[in-house]
Amino acid sequence: MVVRFSIALISFIAGTSFLIGRADSPSALIFRKDSIPFATPKGWPAAHSNIISKNKFTEEGFQLGKKLFYDERLSLNMEISCGSCHQQFASFSHYDHNFSHGINNTLTNRNAPALINLA
């Protein structure tokens, strides 16, 4: 069940990213109106693709991603969000257990990795 949800979520995110990135898409016009600059910190490697140049960061896009990340309705039982395991105070990881808690508070077979330094 977790695998089906993961596949559905990845498909949703990929589809949304595709629509947002299309120049002829109405949503692309909304999300590209005021782009937020993306700066690579000094000493960090450059991004390996041109996705950032084709799909500019915007405040609207940032707020949509944040809302989806914390939306519990996207889970199988509508009780946990991505932010349940990828906890902001812990560098978006789940540090206090060997394995992350899943649906119905059962332990999964993996721990949520940190979501930092990702573009």
PDB file of N, CA and C in Angstrom:
ATOM      1  N   MET A   1       0.808  -1.188   0.000  1.00  0.00           N
ATOM      2  CA  MET A   1       0.000   0.000   0.000  1.00  0.00           C
ATOM      3  C   MET A   1       0.854   1.256   0.000  1.00  0.00           C
ATOM      4  N   VAL A   2       1.922   1.234   0.788  1.00  0.00           N
ATOM      5  CA  VAL A   2       2.813   2.386   0.838  1.00  0.00           C
ATOM      6  C   VAL A   2       3.464   2.598  -0.525  1.00  0.00           C
ATOM      7  N   VAL A   3       3.792   1.498  -1.195  1.00  0.00           N
ATOM      8  CA  VAL A   3       4.418   1.592  -2.517  1.00  0.00           C
ATOM      9  C   VAL A   3       3.450   2.229  -3.504  1.00  0.00           C
ATOM     10  N   ARG A   4       2.165   1.804  -3.471  1.00  0.00           N
ATOM     11  CA  ARG A   4       1.174   2.394  -4.374  1.00  0.00           C
ATOM     12  C   ARG A   4       1.026   3.883  -4.113  1.00  0.00           C
ATOM     13  N   PHE A   5       0.978   4.262  -2.830  1.00  0.00           N
ATOM     14  CA  PHE A   5       0.868   5.683  -2.494  1.00  0.00           C
ATOM     15  C   PHE A   5       2.090   6.439  -2.990  1.00  0.00           C
ATOM     16  N   SER A   6       3.271   5.884  -2.787  1.00  0.00           N
ATOM     17  CA  SER A   6       4.509   6.549  -3.217  1.00  0.00           C
ATOM     18  C   SER A   6       4.513   6.750  -4.722  1.00  0.00           C
ATOM     19  N   ILE A   7       4.095   5.732  -5.459  1.00  0.00           N
ATOM     20  CA  ILE A   7       4.044   5.847  -6.917  1.00  0.00           C
ATOM     21  C   ILE A   7       3.030   6.907  -7.329  1.00  0.00           C
ATOM     22  N   ALA A   8       1.870   6.922  -6.663  1.00  0.00           N
ATOM     23  CA  ALA A   8       0.847   7.917  -6.981  1.00  0.00           C
ATOM     24  C   ALA A   8       1.346   9.329  -6.674  1.00  0.00           C
ATOM     25  N   LEU A   9       2.020   9.503  -5.546  1.00  0.00           N
ATOM     26  CA  LEU A   9       2.527  10.816  -5.165  1.00  0.00           C
ATOM     27  C   LEU A   9       3.610  11.285  -6.135  1.00  0.00           C
ATOM     28  N   ILE A  10       4.518  10.394  -6.492  1.00  0.00           N
ATOM     29  CA  ILE A  10       5.577  10.755  -7.442  1.00  0.00           C
ATOM     30  C   ILE A  10       4.959  11.125  -8.790  1.00  0.00           C
ATOM     31  N   SER A  11       3.955  10.377  -9.228  1.00  0.00           N
ATOM     32  CA  SER A  11       3.276  10.676 -10.492  1.00  0.00           C
ATOM     33  C   SER A  11       2.601  12.037 -10.428  1.00  0.00           C
ATOM     34  N   PHE A  12       1.955  12.325  -9.299  1.00  0.00           N
ATOM     35  CA  PHE A  12       1.285  13.614  -9.130  1.00  0.00           C
ATOM     36  C   PHE A  12       2.291  14.754  -9.195  1.00  0.00           C
ATOM     37  N   ILE A  13       3.396  14.621  -8.476  1.00  0.00           N
ATOM     38  CA  ILE A  13       4.411  15.676  -8.447  1.00  0.00           C
ATOM     39  C   ILE A  13       5.038  15.849  -9.826  1.00  0.00           C
ATOM     40  N   ALA A  14       5.333  14.736 -10.494  1.00  0.00           N
ATOM     41  CA  ALA A  14       5.931  14.825 -11.836  1.00  0.00           C
ATOM     42  C   ALA A  14       4.963  15.493 -12.811  1.00  0.00           C
ATOM     43  N   GLY A  15       3.697  15.114 -12.740  1.00  0.00           N
ATOM     44  CA  GLY A  15       2.695  15.713 -13.619  1.00  0.00           C
ATOM     45  C   GLY A  15       2.523  17.188 -13.351  1.00  0.00           C
ATOM     46  N   THR A  16       2.486  17.569 -12.093  1.00  0.00           N
ATOM     47  CA  THR A  16       2.357  18.974 -11.729  1.00  0.00           C
ATOM     48  C   THR A  16       3.580  19.751 -12.195  1.00  0.00           C
ATOM     49  N   SER A  17       4.769  19.191 -11.996  1.00  0.00           N
ATOM     50  CA  SER A  17       5.996  19.854 -12.436  1.00  0.00           C
ATOM     51  C   SER A  17       5.997  20.038 -13.948  1.00  0.00           C
ATOM     52  N   PHE A  18       5.509  19.033 -14.667  1.00  0.00           N
ATOM     53  CA  PHE A  18       5.456  19.124 -16.124  1.00  0.00           C
ATOM     54  C   PHE A  18       4.537  20.256 -16.554  1.00  0.00           C
ATOM     55  N   LEU A  19       3.355  20.329 -15.940  1.00  0.00           N
ATOM     56  CA  LEU A  19       2.408  21.371 -16.312  1.00  0.00           C
ATOM     57  C   LEU A  19       2.921  22.759 -15.954  1.00  0.00           C
ATOM     58  N   ILE A  20       3.546  22.876 -14.797  1.00  0.00           N
ATOM     59  CA  ILE A  20       4.056  24.177 -14.379  1.00  0.00           C
ATOM     60  C   ILE A  20       5.181  24.626 -15.304  1.00  0.00           C
ATOM     61  N   GLY A  21       6.000  23.687 -15.755  1.00  0.00           N
ATOM     62  CA  GLY A  21       7.149  24.031 -16.580  1.00  0.00           C
ATOM     63  C   GLY A  21       6.832  24.307 -18.041  1.00  0.00           C
ATOM     64  N   ARG A  22       5.626  23.963 -18.501  1.00  0.00           N
ATOM     65  CA  ARG A  22       5.282  24.176 -19.900  1.00  0.00           C
ATOM     66  C   ARG A  22       5.026  25.653 -20.169  1.00  0.00           C
ATOM     67  N   ALA A  23       5.657  26.179 -21.189  1.00  0.00           N
ATOM     68  CA  ALA A  23       5.508  27.601 -21.500  1.00  0.00           C
ATOM     69  C   ALA A  23       4.097  27.936 -21.957  1.00  0.00           C
ATOM     70  N   ASP A  24       3.404  26.994 -22.626  1.00  0.00           N
ATOM     71  CA  ASP A  24       2.073  27.281 -23.130  1.00  0.00           C
ATOM     72  C   ASP A  24       0.974  26.942 -22.135  1.00  0.00           C
ATOM     73  N   SER A  25       1.331  26.485 -20.961  1.00  0.00           N
ATOM     74  CA  SER A  25       0.358  26.129 -19.934  1.00  0.00           C
ATOM     75  C   SER A  25      -0.080  27.372 -19.178  1.00  0.00           C
ATOM     76  N   PRO A  26      -1.401  27.539 -18.940  1.00  0.00           N
ATOM     77  CA  PRO A  26      -1.853  28.691 -18.155  1.00  0.00           C
ATOM     78  C   PRO A  26      -1.213  28.738 -16.774  1.00  0.00           C
ATOM     79  N   SER A  27      -0.993  27.565 -16.154  1.00  0.00           N
ATOM     80  CA  SER A  27      -0.380  27.570 -14.825  1.00  0.00           C
ATOM     81  C   SER A  27       1.058  28.070 -14.886  1.00  0.00           C
ATOM     82  N   ALA A  28       1.738  27.848 -16.007  1.00  0.00           N
ATOM     83  CA  ALA A  28       3.119  28.322 -16.139  1.00  0.00           C
ATOM     84  C   ALA A  28       3.156  29.843 -16.083  1.00  0.00           C
ATOM     85  N   LEU A  29       2.149  30.479 -16.654  1.00  0.00           N
ATOM     86  CA  LEU A  29       2.105  31.934 -16.611  1.00  0.00           C
ATOM     87  C   LEU A  29       1.920  32.440 -15.189  1.00  0.00           C
ATOM     88  N   ILE A  30       1.122  31.738 -14.411  1.00  0.00           N
ATOM     89  CA  ILE A  30       0.894  32.133 -13.023  1.00  0.00           C
ATOM     90  C   ILE A  30       2.166  31.945 -12.210  1.00  0.00           C
ATOM     91  N   PHE A  31       2.800  30.791 -12.346  1.00  0.00           N
ATOM     92  CA  PHE A  31       3.940  30.463 -11.506  1.00  0.00           C
ATOM     93  C   PHE A  31       5.228  31.168 -11.932  1.00  0.00           C
ATOM     94  N   ARG A  32       5.293  31.739 -13.104  1.00  0.00           N
ATOM     95  CA  ARG A  32       6.521  32.371 -13.571  1.00  0.00           C
ATOM     96  C   ARG A  32       6.490  33.886 -13.475  1.00  0.00           C
ATOM     97  N   LYS A  33       5.434  34.479 -12.945  1.00  0.00           N
ATOM     98  CA  LYS A  33       5.330  35.932 -13.001  1.00  0.00           C
ATOM     99  C   LYS A  33       6.416  36.657 -12.206  1.00  0.00           C
ATOM    100  N   ASP A  34       6.742  36.202 -11.030  1.00  0.00           N
ATOM    101  CA  ASP A  34       7.776  36.838 -10.216  1.00  0.00           C
ATOM    102  C   ASP A  34       8.701  35.763  -9.686  1.00  0.00           C
ATOM    103  N   SER A  35       9.760  35.504 -10.401  1.00  0.00           N
ATOM    104  CA  SER A  35      10.642  34.420  -9.989  1.00  0.00           C
ATOM    105  C   SER A  35      11.511  34.824  -8.806  1.00  0.00           C
ATOM    106  N   ILE A  36      11.818  33.828  -7.984  1.00  0.00           N
ATOM    107  CA  ILE A  36      12.699  33.997  -6.829  1.00  0.00           C
ATOM    108  C   ILE A  36      14.090  33.560  -7.279  1.00  0.00           C
ATOM    109  N   PRO A  37      15.107  34.363  -7.075  1.00  0.00           N
ATOM    110  CA  PRO A  37      16.440  33.969  -7.547  1.00  0.00           C
ATOM    111  C   PRO A  37      16.953  32.717  -6.820  1.00  0.00           C
ATOM    112  N   PHE A  38      17.623  31.875  -7.566  1.00  0.00           N
ATOM    113  CA  PHE A  38      18.240  30.674  -7.015  1.00  0.00           C
ATOM    114  C   PHE A  38      19.737  30.905  -6.981  1.00  0.00           C
ATOM    115  N   ALA A  39      20.297  30.935  -5.798  1.00  0.00           N
ATOM    116  CA  ALA A  39      21.730  31.179  -5.653  1.00  0.00           C
ATOM    117  C   ALA A  39      22.394  29.961  -5.027  1.00  0.00           C
ATOM    118  N   THR A  40      23.446  29.483  -5.663  1.00  0.00           N
ATOM    119  CA  THR A  40      24.229  28.381  -5.113  1.00  0.00           C
ATOM    120  C   THR A  40      25.233  28.966  -4.130  1.00  0.00           C
ATOM    121  N   PRO A  41      25.237  28.480  -2.885  1.00  0.00           N
ATOM    122  CA  PRO A  41      26.191  29.014  -1.911  1.00  0.00           C
ATOM    123  C   PRO A  41      27.641  28.811  -2.366  1.00  0.00           C
ATOM    124  N   LYS A  42      28.507  29.699  -1.957  1.00  0.00           N
ATOM    125  CA  LYS A  42      29.920  29.641  -2.314  1.00  0.00           C
ATOM    126  C   LYS A  42      30.515  28.305  -1.866  1.00  0.00           C
ATOM    127  N   GLY A  43      31.221  27.649  -2.773  1.00  0.00           N
ATOM    128  CA  GLY A  43      31.873  26.387  -2.467  1.00  0.00           C
ATOM    129  C   GLY A  43      31.016  25.157  -2.725  1.00  0.00           C
ATOM    130  N   TRP A  44      29.745  25.345  -3.056  1.00  0.00           N
ATOM    131  CA  TRP A  44      28.861  24.206  -3.344  1.00  0.00           C
ATOM    132  C   TRP A  44      28.908  23.887  -4.828  1.00  0.00           C
ATOM    133  N   PRO A  45      28.692  22.634  -5.203  1.00  0.00           N
ATOM    134  CA  PRO A  45      28.692  22.299  -6.630  1.00  0.00           C
ATOM    135  C   PRO A  45      27.469  22.891  -7.326  1.00  0.00           C
ATOM    136  N   ALA A  46      27.628  23.193  -8.586  1.00  0.00           N
ATOM    137  CA  ALA A  46      26.514  23.722  -9.370  1.00  0.00           C
ATOM    138  C   ALA A  46      25.480  22.623  -9.615  1.00  0.00           C
ATOM    139  N   ALA A  47      24.236  23.034  -9.845  1.00  0.00           N
ATOM    140  CA  ALA A  47      23.185  22.069 -10.159  1.00  0.00           C
ATOM    141  C   ALA A  47      23.545  21.346 -11.451  1.00  0.00           C
ATOM    142  N   HIS A  48      23.198  20.061 -11.557  1.00  0.00           N
ATOM    143  CA  HIS A  48      23.599  19.236 -12.696  1.00  0.00           C
ATOM    144  C   HIS A  48      22.654  19.299 -13.882  1.00  0.00           C
ATOM    145  N   SER A  49      21.611  20.100 -13.805  1.00  0.00           N
ATOM    146  CA  SER A  49      20.676  20.156 -14.927  1.00  0.00           C
ATOM    147  C   SER A  49      20.212  21.584 -15.147  1.00  0.00           C
ATOM    148  N   ASN A  50      19.481  21.755 -16.214  1.00  0.00           N
ATOM    149  CA  ASN A  50      18.965  23.087 -16.521  1.00  0.00           C
ATOM    150  C   ASN A  50      17.502  23.217 -16.111  1.00  0.00           C
ATOM    151  N   ILE A  51      17.026  22.355 -15.222  1.00  0.00           N
ATOM    152  CA  ILE A  51      15.637  22.401 -14.772  1.00  0.00           C
ATOM    153  C   ILE A  51      15.342  23.746 -14.119  1.00  0.00           C
ATOM    154  N   ILE A  52      16.267  24.250 -13.325  1.00  0.00           N
ATOM    155  CA  ILE A  52      16.042  25.509 -12.613  1.00  0.00           C
ATOM    156  C   ILE A  52      15.856  26.657 -13.595  1.00  0.00           C
ATOM    157  N   SER A  53      16.627  26.672 -14.671  1.00  0.00           N
ATOM    158  CA  SER A  53      16.490  27.760 -15.633  1.00  0.00           C
ATOM    159  C   SER A  53      15.186  27.671 -16.413  1.00  0.00           C
ATOM    160  N   LYS A  54      14.648  26.473 -16.582  1.00  0.00           N
ATOM    161  CA  LYS A  54      13.394  26.299 -17.322  1.00  0.00           C
ATOM    162  C   LYS A  54      12.154  26.417 -16.441  1.00  0.00           C
ATOM    163  N   ASN A  55      12.313  26.218 -15.151  1.00  0.00           N
ATOM    164  CA  ASN A  55      11.176  26.241 -14.236  1.00  0.00           C
ATOM    165  C   ASN A  55      11.552  27.113 -13.040  1.00  0.00           C
ATOM    166  N   LYS A  56      11.401  28.414 -13.191  1.00  0.00           N
ATOM    167  CA  LYS A  56      11.832  29.376 -12.178  1.00  0.00           C
ATOM    168  C   LYS A  56      11.057  29.199 -10.872  1.00  0.00           C
ATOM    169  N   PHE A  57      11.752  29.461  -9.761  1.00  0.00           N
ATOM    170  CA  PHE A  57      11.111  29.445  -8.451  1.00  0.00           C
ATOM    171  C   PHE A  57      10.255  30.702  -8.304  1.00  0.00           C
ATOM    172  N   THR A  58       9.054  30.534  -7.752  1.00  0.00           N
ATOM    173  CA  THR A  58       8.194  31.681  -7.475  1.00  0.00           C
ATOM    174  C   THR A  58       7.613  31.525  -6.080  1.00  0.00           C
ATOM    175  N   GLU A  59       7.134  32.605  -5.530  1.00  0.00           N
ATOM    176  CA  GLU A  59       6.490  32.545  -4.222  1.00  0.00           C
ATOM    177  C   GLU A  59       5.260  31.650  -4.270  1.00  0.00           C
ATOM    178  N   GLU A  60       4.489  31.734  -5.354  1.00  0.00           N
ATOM    179  CA  GLU A  60       3.292  30.910  -5.487  1.00  0.00           C
ATOM    180  C   GLU A  60       3.646  29.423  -5.553  1.00  0.00           C
ATOM    181  N   GLY A  61       4.667  29.102  -6.329  1.00  0.00           N
ATOM    182  CA  GLY A  61       5.110  27.717  -6.429  1.00  0.00           C
ATOM    183  C   GLY A  61       5.653  27.203  -5.110  1.00  0.00           C
ATOM    184  N   PHE A  62       6.395  28.049  -4.402  1.00  0.00           N
ATOM    185  CA  PHE A  62       6.921  27.681  -3.088  1.00  0.00           C
ATOM    186  C   PHE A  62       5.780  27.387  -2.116  1.00  0.00           C
ATOM    187  N   GLN A  63       4.773  28.250  -2.095  1.00  0.00           N
ATOM    188  CA  GLN A  63       3.643  28.066  -1.179  1.00  0.00           C
ATOM    189  C   GLN A  63       2.843  26.815  -1.527  1.00  0.00           C
ATOM    190  N   LEU A  64       2.684  26.517  -2.826  1.00  0.00           N
ATOM    191  CA  LEU A  64       1.992  25.292  -3.236  1.00  0.00           C
ATOM    192  C   LEU A  64       2.756  24.064  -2.760  1.00  0.00           C
ATOM    193  N   GLY A  65       4.074  24.045  -2.965  1.00  0.00           N
ATOM    194  CA  GLY A  65       4.890  22.912  -2.520  1.00  0.00           C
ATOM    195  C   GLY A  65       4.822  22.722  -1.016  1.00  0.00           C
ATOM    196  N   LYS A  66       4.861  23.819  -0.273  1.00  0.00           N
ATOM    197  CA  LYS A  66       4.777  23.743   1.184  1.00  0.00           C
ATOM    198  C   LYS A  66       3.426  23.182   1.615  1.00  0.00           C
ATOM    199  N   LYS A  67       2.364  23.626   0.967  1.00  0.00           N
ATOM    200  CA  LYS A  67       1.017  23.145   1.307  1.00  0.00           C
ATOM    201  C   LYS A  67       0.900  21.651   1.025  1.00  0.00           C
ATOM    202  N   LEU A  68       1.410  21.196  -0.103  1.00  0.00           N
ATOM    203  CA  LEU A  68       1.356  19.771  -0.440  1.00  0.00           C
ATOM    204  C   LEU A  68       2.217  18.948   0.512  1.00  0.00           C
ATOM    205  N   PHE A  69       3.376  19.465   0.899  1.00  0.00           N
ATOM    206  CA  PHE A  69       4.298  18.750   1.780  1.00  0.00           C
ATOM    207  C   PHE A  69       3.669  18.472   3.143  1.00  0.00           C
ATOM    208  N   TYR A  70       2.843  19.394   3.622  1.00  0.00           N
ATOM    209  CA  TYR A  70       2.220  19.236   4.938  1.00  0.00           C
ATOM    210  C   TYR A  70       0.761  18.789   4.869  1.00  0.00           C
ATOM    211  N   ASP A  71       0.263  18.436   3.689  1.00  0.00           N
ATOM    212  CA  ASP A  71      -1.143  18.036   3.529  1.00  0.00           C
ATOM    213  C   ASP A  71      -1.324  16.554   3.843  1.00  0.00           C
ATOM    214  N   GLU A  72      -2.031  16.257   4.910  1.00  0.00           N
ATOM    215  CA  GLU A  72      -2.260  14.875   5.335  1.00  0.00           C
ATOM    216  C   GLU A  72      -3.218  14.139   4.414  1.00  0.00           C
ATOM    217  N   ARG A  73      -3.988  14.865   3.633  1.00  0.00           N
ATOM    218  CA  ARG A  73      -4.969  14.228   2.737  1.00  0.00           C
ATOM    219  C   ARG A  73      -4.315  13.445   1.604  1.00  0.00           C
ATOM    220  N   LEU A  74      -3.034  13.632   1.395  1.00  0.00           N
ATOM    221  CA  LEU A  74      -2.346  12.908   0.325  1.00  0.00           C
ATOM    222  C   LEU A  74      -1.916  11.505   0.740  1.00  0.00           C
ATOM    223  N   SER A  75      -2.064  11.158   2.019  1.00  0.00           N
ATOM    224  CA  SER A  75      -1.676   9.821   2.475  1.00  0.00           C
ATOM    225  C   SER A  75      -2.830   8.848   2.293  1.00  0.00           C
ATOM    226  N   LEU A  76      -2.515   7.573   2.363  1.00  0.00           N
ATOM    227  CA  LEU A  76      -3.505   6.527   2.155  1.00  0.00           C
ATOM    228  C   LEU A  76      -4.661   6.626   3.140  1.00  0.00           C
ATOM    229  N   ASN A  77      -4.357   6.926   4.406  1.00  0.00           N
ATOM    230  CA  ASN A  77      -5.416   7.013   5.412  1.00  0.00           C
ATOM    231  C   ASN A  77      -5.734   8.465   5.793  1.00  0.00           C
ATOM    232  N   MET A  78      -5.173   9.416   5.073  1.00  0.00           N
ATOM    233  CA  MET A  78      -5.410  10.842   5.269  1.00  0.00           C
ATOM    234  C   MET A  78      -5.021  11.318   6.667  1.00  0.00           C
ATOM    235  N   GLU A  79      -3.972  10.720   7.250  1.00  0.00           N
ATOM    236  CA  GLU A  79      -3.555  11.079   8.602  1.00  0.00           C
ATOM    237  C   GLU A  79      -2.103  11.531   8.719  1.00  0.00           C
ATOM    238  N   ILE A  80      -1.252  11.245   7.732  1.00  0.00           N
ATOM    239  CA  ILE A  80       0.145  11.665   7.828  1.00  0.00           C
ATOM    240  C   ILE A  80       0.541  12.411   6.557  1.00  0.00           C
ATOM    241  N   SER A  81       1.463  13.320   6.696  1.00  0.00           N
ATOM    242  CA  SER A  81       1.968  14.067   5.546  1.00  0.00           C
ATOM    243  C   SER A  81       3.444  13.740   5.349  1.00  0.00           C
ATOM    244  N   CYS A  82       4.013  14.251   4.288  1.00  0.00           N
ATOM    245  CA  CYS A  82       5.466  14.091   4.090  1.00  0.00           C
ATOM    246  C   CYS A  82       6.204  14.691   5.281  1.00  0.00           C
ATOM    247  N   GLY A  83       5.696  15.838   5.780  1.00  0.00           N
ATOM    248  CA  GLY A  83       6.315  16.515   6.905  1.00  0.00           C
ATOM    249  C   GLY A  83       6.214  15.755   8.218  1.00  0.00           C
ATOM    250  N   SER A  84       5.399  14.692   8.252  1.00  0.00           N
ATOM    251  CA  SER A  84       5.314  13.879   9.472  1.00  0.00           C
ATOM    252  C   SER A  84       6.627  13.160   9.743  1.00  0.00           C
ATOM    253  N   CYS A  85       7.283  12.697   8.702  1.00  0.00           N
ATOM    254  CA  CYS A  85       8.567  12.006   8.852  1.00  0.00           C
ATOM    255  C   CYS A  85       9.740  12.928   8.528  1.00  0.00           C
ATOM    256  N   HIS A  86       9.594  13.755   7.516  1.00  0.00           N
ATOM    257  CA  HIS A  86      10.642  14.707   7.135  1.00  0.00           C
ATOM    258  C   HIS A  86      10.406  15.973   7.952  1.00  0.00           C
ATOM    259  N   GLN A  87      10.831  15.946   9.223  1.00  0.00           N
ATOM    260  CA  GLN A  87      10.531  17.000  10.185  1.00  0.00           C
ATOM    261  C   GLN A  87      11.465  18.184  10.016  1.00  0.00           C
ATOM    262  N   GLN A  88      10.885  19.368   9.897  1.00  0.00           N
ATOM    263  CA  GLN A  88      11.661  20.572   9.634  1.00  0.00           C
ATOM    264  C   GLN A  88      12.708  20.831  10.706  1.00  0.00           C
ATOM    265  N   PHE A  89      12.364  20.643  11.972  1.00  0.00           N
ATOM    266  CA  PHE A  89      13.313  20.921  13.057  1.00  0.00           C
ATOM    267  C   PHE A  89      14.499  19.964  13.049  1.00  0.00           C
ATOM    268  N   ALA A  90      14.417  18.881  12.286  1.00  0.00           N
ATOM    269  CA  ALA A  90      15.497  17.889  12.219  1.00  0.00           C
ATOM    270  C   ALA A  90      16.113  17.849  10.818  1.00  0.00           C
ATOM    271  N   SER A  91      16.238  19.009  10.189  1.00  0.00           N
ATOM    272  CA  SER A  91      16.767  19.111   8.814  1.00  0.00           C
ATOM    273  C   SER A  91      15.942  18.275   7.849  1.00  0.00           C
ATOM    274  N   PHE A  92      14.632  18.249   8.081  1.00  0.00           N
ATOM    275  CA  PHE A  92      13.683  17.502   7.252  1.00  0.00           C
ATOM    276  C   PHE A  92      14.030  16.018   7.203  1.00  0.00           C
ATOM    277  N   SER A  93      14.424  15.483   8.360  1.00  0.00           N
ATOM    278  CA  SER A  93      14.687  14.050   8.495  1.00  0.00           C
ATOM    279  C   SER A  93      13.873  13.525   9.665  1.00  0.00           C
ATOM    280  N   HIS A  94      14.056  12.267   9.992  1.00  0.00           N
ATOM    281  CA  HIS A  94      13.371  11.634  11.126  1.00  0.00           C
ATOM    282  C   HIS A  94      14.468  11.001  11.963  1.00  0.00           C
ATOM    283  N   TYR A  95      14.981  11.745  12.916  1.00  0.00           N
ATOM    284  CA  TYR A  95      16.214  11.350  13.594  1.00  0.00           C
ATOM    285  C   TYR A  95      16.031  10.501  14.847  1.00  0.00           C
ATOM    286  N   ASP A  96      14.857  10.500  15.459  1.00  0.00           N
ATOM    287  CA  ASP A  96      14.740   9.887  16.780  1.00  0.00           C
ATOM    288  C   ASP A  96      14.300   8.417  16.776  1.00  0.00           C
ATOM    289  N   HIS A  97      14.188   7.814  15.609  1.00  0.00           N
ATOM    290  CA  HIS A  97      13.853   6.393  15.500  1.00  0.00           C
ATOM    291  C   HIS A  97      14.731   5.765  14.421  1.00  0.00           C
ATOM    292  N   ASN A  98      14.972   4.469  14.544  1.00  0.00           N
ATOM    293  CA  ASN A  98      15.713   3.778  13.486  1.00  0.00           C
ATOM    294  C   ASN A  98      14.891   3.689  12.216  1.00  0.00           C
ATOM    295  N   PHE A  99      13.564   3.578  12.364  1.00  0.00           N
ATOM    296  CA  PHE A  99      12.671   3.497  11.212  1.00  0.00           C
ATOM    297  C   PHE A  99      11.548   4.512  11.387  1.00  0.00           C
ATOM    298  N   SER A 100      11.106   5.087  10.285  1.00  0.00           N
ATOM    299  CA  SER A 100      10.035   6.082  10.330  1.00  0.00           C
ATOM    300  C   SER A 100       8.698   5.420  10.589  1.00  0.00           C
ATOM    301  N   HIS A 101       7.810   6.162  11.193  1.00  0.00           N
ATOM    302  CA  HIS A 101       6.447   5.690  11.408  1.00  0.00           C
ATOM    303  C   HIS A 101       5.648   5.918  10.138  1.00  0.00           C
ATOM    304  N   GLY A 102       4.805   4.959   9.806  1.00  0.00           N
ATOM    305  CA  GLY A 102       3.982   5.063   8.616  1.00  0.00           C
ATOM    306  C   GLY A 102       2.510   5.151   8.962  1.00  0.00           C
ATOM    307  N   ILE A 103       1.700   4.669   8.073  1.00  0.00           N
ATOM    308  CA  ILE A 103       0.252   4.683   8.251  1.00  0.00           C
ATOM    309  C   ILE A 103      -0.128   3.832   9.456  1.00  0.00           C
ATOM    310  N   ASN A 104      -1.107   4.296  10.203  1.00  0.00           N
ATOM    311  CA  ASN A 104      -1.580   3.648  11.431  1.00  0.00           C
ATOM    312  C   ASN A 104      -0.470   3.502  12.470  1.00  0.00           C
ATOM    313  N   ASN A 105       0.506   4.411  12.430  1.00  0.00           N
ATOM    314  CA  ASN A 105       1.619   4.451  13.374  1.00  0.00           C
ATOM    315  C   ASN A 105       2.470   3.180  13.371  1.00  0.00           C
ATOM    316  N   THR A 106       2.445   2.449  12.263  1.00  0.00           N
ATOM    317  CA  THR A 106       3.298   1.265  12.145  1.00  0.00           C
ATOM    318  C   THR A 106       4.678   1.705  11.671  1.00  0.00           C
ATOM    319  N   LEU A 107       5.693   0.936  12.021  1.00  0.00           N
ATOM    320  CA  LEU A 107       7.044   1.262  11.582  1.00  0.00           C
ATOM    321  C   LEU A 107       7.258   0.789  10.154  1.00  0.00           C
ATOM    322  N   THR A 108       7.909   1.623   9.371  1.00  0.00           N
ATOM    323  CA  THR A 108       8.254   1.238   8.005  1.00  0.00           C
ATOM    324  C   THR A 108       9.572   0.463   8.047  1.00  0.00           C
ATOM    325  N   ASN A 109      10.086   0.109   6.895  1.00  0.00           N
ATOM    326  CA  ASN A 109      11.362  -0.608   6.860  1.00  0.00           C
ATOM    327  C   ASN A 109      12.520   0.320   6.480  1.00  0.00           C
ATOM    328  N   ARG A 110      12.305   1.630   6.601  1.00  0.00           N
ATOM    329  CA  ARG A 110      13.365   2.594   6.295  1.00  0.00           C
ATOM    330  C   ARG A 110      13.179   3.859   7.119  1.00  0.00           C
ATOM    331  N   ASN A 111      14.204   4.678   7.135  1.00  0.00           N
ATOM    332  CA  ASN A 111      14.146   5.952   7.845  1.00  0.00           C
ATOM    333  C   ASN A 111      14.129   7.063   6.810  1.00  0.00           C
ATOM    334  N   ALA A 112      13.334   8.087   7.063  1.00  0.00           N
ATOM    335  CA  ALA A 112      13.233   9.206   6.117  1.00  0.00           C
ATOM    336  C   ALA A 112      14.566   9.943   6.030  1.00  0.00           C
ATOM    337  N   PRO A 113      15.161  10.038   4.844  1.00  0.00           N
ATOM    338  CA  PRO A 113      16.430  10.757   4.716  1.00  0.00           C
ATOM    339  C   PRO A 113      16.210  12.263   4.821  1.00  0.00           C
ATOM    340  N   ALA A 114      17.252  12.984   5.152  1.00  0.00           N
ATOM    341  CA  ALA A 114      17.169  14.444   5.243  1.00  0.00           C
ATOM    342  C   ALA A 114      16.915  15.031   3.855  1.00  0.00           C
ATOM    343  N   LEU A 115      16.085  16.052   3.811  1.00  0.00           N
ATOM    344  CA  LEU A 115      15.780  16.736   2.545  1.00  0.00           C
ATOM    345  C   LEU A 115      16.445  18.107   2.550  1.00  0.00           C
ATOM    346  N   ILE A 116      17.759  18.100   2.582  1.00  0.00           N
ATOM    347  CA  ILE A 116      18.507  19.353   2.567  1.00  0.00           C
ATOM    348  C   ILE A 116      19.469  19.327   1.395  1.00  0.00           C
ATOM    349  N   ASN A 117      19.853  20.493   0.936  1.00  0.00           N
ATOM    350  CA  ASN A 117      20.783  20.634  -0.189  1.00  0.00           C
ATOM    351  C   ASN A 117      20.249  19.951  -1.439  1.00  0.00           C
ATOM    352  N   LEU A 118      18.959  20.045  -1.648  1.00  0.00           N
ATOM    353  CA  LEU A 118      18.330  19.474  -2.843  1.00  0.00           C
ATOM    354  C   LEU A 118      17.763  20.623  -3.672  1.00  0.00           C
ATOM    355  N   ALA A 119      17.985  20.588  -4.947  1.00  0.00           N
ATOM    356  CA  ALA A 119      17.437  21.656  -5.806  1.00  0.00           C
ATOM    357  C   ALA A 119      16.434  21.059  -6.761  1.00  0.00           C
TER     358      ALA A 119
END
